[in-house]
Amino acid sequence: MDWITAPLVCAIIFGCIYKVVELFARKRERLMLINKITEISNTDFKGINLYNSGNKFTALRIGWLMLGVGCGFLFGFLINMMATYGQYASNFDDVWRYHSVVGGIVYVACICICGGIGLLLSYKAERKAEHPEEKKADEFQV
């Protein structure tokens, strides 16, 4: 427990100092923003979209990512079990060493690949939802 005390104390002190500095900086920013708003209070904002539409598909992205990570865990488990099937009767230390080294690499690789595929599928679904009138490039048009 002694080995973590010094880094933990340093991290807590640094975090507190950072938050205090950020608090005063943000206060100054907010005051400048209030002054700016009072200067431009007579401006017409009818044509400006004030809502953040960039995070419209956050749930879709997270859902596809979690689906990909789950599939990655499943594929990693299946690959790991298929690779060591029937080897438990032999030397147990070699099988355990294999599971700890190669098994970890298989899990991480499958999770990253399937998570990336999930993010690509969410991007494709977002594009389809944003532009439903676009035709596919490979469709034949008469």
Protein backbone atom coordinates (compact mmCIF):
# COMPACT_ATOMS: atom_id res chain seq x y z
CA MET A 1 0.00 0.00 0.00
CA ASP A 2 2.95 2.33 0.56
CA TRP A 3 3.91 2.29 -3.11
CA ILE A 4 0.67 3.99 -4.15
CA THR A 5 0.56 6.64 -1.45
CA ALA A 6 3.04 9.08 -3.02
CA PRO A 7 1.54 9.05 -6.55
CA LEU A 8 -1.96 9.26 -5.13
CA VAL A 9 -1.12 12.28 -2.97
CA CYS A 10 0.59 14.00 -5.91
CA ALA A 11 -2.40 13.31 -8.17
CA ILE A 12 -4.86 14.68 -5.59
CA ILE A 13 -2.80 17.86 -5.02
CA PHE A 14 -2.37 18.42 -8.76
CA GLY A 15 -6.09 17.83 -9.35
CA CYS A 16 -7.11 20.32 -6.64
CA ILE A 17 -4.74 23.01 -7.93
CA TYR A 18 -5.93 22.43 -11.50
CA LYS A 19 -9.59 22.74 -10.51
CA VAL A 20 -8.99 25.99 -8.58
CA VAL A 21 -7.16 27.55 -11.53
CA GLU A 22 -9.86 26.31 -13.91
CA LEU A 23 -12.56 27.78 -11.66
CA PHE A 24 -11.07 31.27 -11.83
CA ALA A 25 -10.37 31.00 -15.58
CA ARG A 26 -13.93 29.89 -16.26
CA LYS A 27 -15.27 32.73 -14.14
CA ARG A 28 -13.35 35.21 -16.26
CA GLU A 29 -14.63 33.54 -19.44
CA ARG A 30 -18.23 33.67 -18.21
CA LEU A 31 -17.93 37.37 -17.36
CA MET A 32 -16.50 38.11 -20.81
CA LEU A 33 -19.34 36.13 -22.41
CA ILE A 34 -21.95 38.09 -20.43
CA ASN A 35 -20.37 41.37 -21.58
CA LYS A 36 -20.40 40.14 -25.18
CA ILE A 37 -24.07 39.14 -24.94
CA THR A 38 -25.05 42.55 -23.63
CA GLU A 39 -23.19 44.17 -26.54
CA ILE A 40 -25.00 42.13 -29.20
CA SER A 41 -28.42 41.92 -27.54
CA ASN A 42 -30.15 43.59 -30.51
CA THR A 43 -28.97 40.98 -33.06
CA ASP A 44 -31.53 38.79 -34.83
CA PHE A 45 -30.87 35.07 -34.26
CA LYS A 46 -33.73 33.61 -36.31
CA GLY A 47 -31.58 31.84 -38.89
CA ILE A 48 -29.05 30.42 -36.46
CA ASN A 49 -29.43 26.93 -35.02
CA LEU A 50 -28.54 27.31 -31.36
CA TYR A 51 -28.90 23.61 -30.54
CA ASN A 52 -25.95 21.27 -30.81
CA SER A 53 -26.84 18.82 -33.54
CA GLY A 54 -23.42 17.15 -33.53
CA ASN A 55 -24.31 14.72 -30.75
CA LYS A 56 -27.54 13.56 -32.33
CA PHE A 57 -26.40 9.96 -32.76
CA THR A 58 -24.46 9.42 -29.55
CA ALA A 59 -26.70 6.58 -28.37
CA LEU A 60 -26.38 4.88 -31.75
CA ARG A 61 -22.59 5.15 -31.66
CA ILE A 62 -22.35 3.81 -28.13
CA GLY A 63 -24.78 1.01 -28.92
CA TRP A 64 -22.87 -0.15 -31.99
CA LEU A 65 -19.57 0.15 -30.12
CA MET A 66 -20.83 -1.96 -27.23
CA LEU A 67 -22.24 -4.50 -29.68
CA GLY A 68 -18.85 -4.68 -31.39
CA VAL A 69 -16.99 -5.02 -28.10
CA GLY A 70 -19.36 -7.78 -27.00
CA CYS A 71 -18.85 -9.63 -30.28
CA GLY A 72 -15.10 -9.13 -29.86
CA PHE A 73 -15.20 -10.76 -26.43
CA LEU A 74 -17.23 -13.65 -27.84
CA PHE A 75 -14.94 -14.15 -30.85
CA GLY A 76 -11.85 -13.88 -28.66
CA PHE A 77 -13.24 -16.50 -26.29
CA LEU A 78 -14.13 -18.83 -29.16
CA ILE A 79 -10.73 -18.46 -30.83
CA ASN A 80 -8.97 -18.98 -27.51
CA MET A 81 -10.96 -22.11 -26.72
CA MET A 82 -10.56 -23.56 -30.21
CA ALA A 83 -6.81 -22.98 -30.12
CA THR A 84 -6.36 -24.84 -26.82
CA TYR A 85 -8.96 -27.58 -27.31
CA GLY A 86 -7.57 -30.93 -26.22
CA GLN A 87 -4.35 -29.51 -24.79
CA TYR A 88 -5.45 -29.59 -21.16
CA ALA A 89 -4.40 -33.23 -20.81
CA SER A 90 -0.81 -32.28 -21.64
CA ASN A 91 1.45 -30.01 -19.62
CA PHE A 92 -0.76 -27.59 -17.70
CA ASP A 93 1.96 -24.93 -17.29
CA ASP A 94 2.38 -24.56 -21.06
CA VAL A 95 -1.36 -24.21 -21.60
CA TRP A 96 -1.59 -21.59 -18.83
CA ARG A 97 1.33 -19.66 -20.30
CA TYR A 98 -0.36 -19.77 -23.70
CA HIS A 99 -3.63 -18.47 -22.24
CA SER A 100 -1.94 -15.62 -20.42
CA VAL A 101 0.15 -14.37 -23.37
CA VAL A 102 -1.51 -15.29 -26.63
CA GLY A 103 -5.01 -15.35 -25.21
CA GLY A 104 -4.68 -11.74 -24.08
CA ILE A 105 -3.48 -10.69 -27.52
CA VAL A 106 -6.40 -12.51 -29.16
CA TYR A 107 -8.92 -10.85 -26.84
CA VAL A 108 -7.56 -7.33 -27.40
CA ALA A 109 -7.33 -7.81 -31.17
CA CYS A 110 -10.88 -9.15 -31.44
CA ILE A 111 -12.27 -6.38 -29.24
CA CYS A 112 -10.53 -3.65 -31.26
CA ILE A 113 -11.51 -5.12 -34.62
CA CYS A 114 -15.15 -5.71 -33.71
CA GLY A 115 -15.39 -2.33 -31.93
CA GLY A 116 -14.05 -0.64 -35.07
CA ILE A 117 -16.55 -2.54 -37.21
CA GLY A 118 -19.31 -1.40 -34.85
CA LEU A 119 -18.23 2.24 -35.21
CA LEU A 120 -18.12 1.88 -39.01
CA LEU A 121 -21.64 0.45 -38.98
CA SER A 122 -22.85 3.33 -36.79
CA TYR A 123 -21.28 5.81 -39.22
CA LYS A 124 -23.07 4.11 -42.09
CA ALA A 125 -26.38 4.21 -40.18
CA GLU A 126 -25.87 7.90 -39.35
CA ARG A 127 -25.17 8.77 -42.99
CA LYS A 128 -28.26 6.85 -44.05
CA ALA A 129 -30.38 8.68 -41.46
CA GLU A 130 -28.99 12.12 -42.39
CA HIS A 131 -29.23 11.70 -46.16
CA PRO A 132 -32.05 9.28 -47.00
CA GLU A 133 -32.50 10.72 -50.51
CA GLU A 134 -28.97 9.86 -51.66
CA LYS A 135 -28.80 7.00 -54.13
CA LYS A 136 -26.19 4.33 -53.84
CA ALA A 137 -23.29 4.68 -56.25
CA ASP A 138 -23.53 1.08 -57.38
CA GLU A 139 -27.24 1.25 -58.28
CA PHE A 140 -28.13 1.35 -61.93
CA GLN A 141 -30.19 4.39 -62.85
CA VAL A 142 -32.43 4.34 -65.93
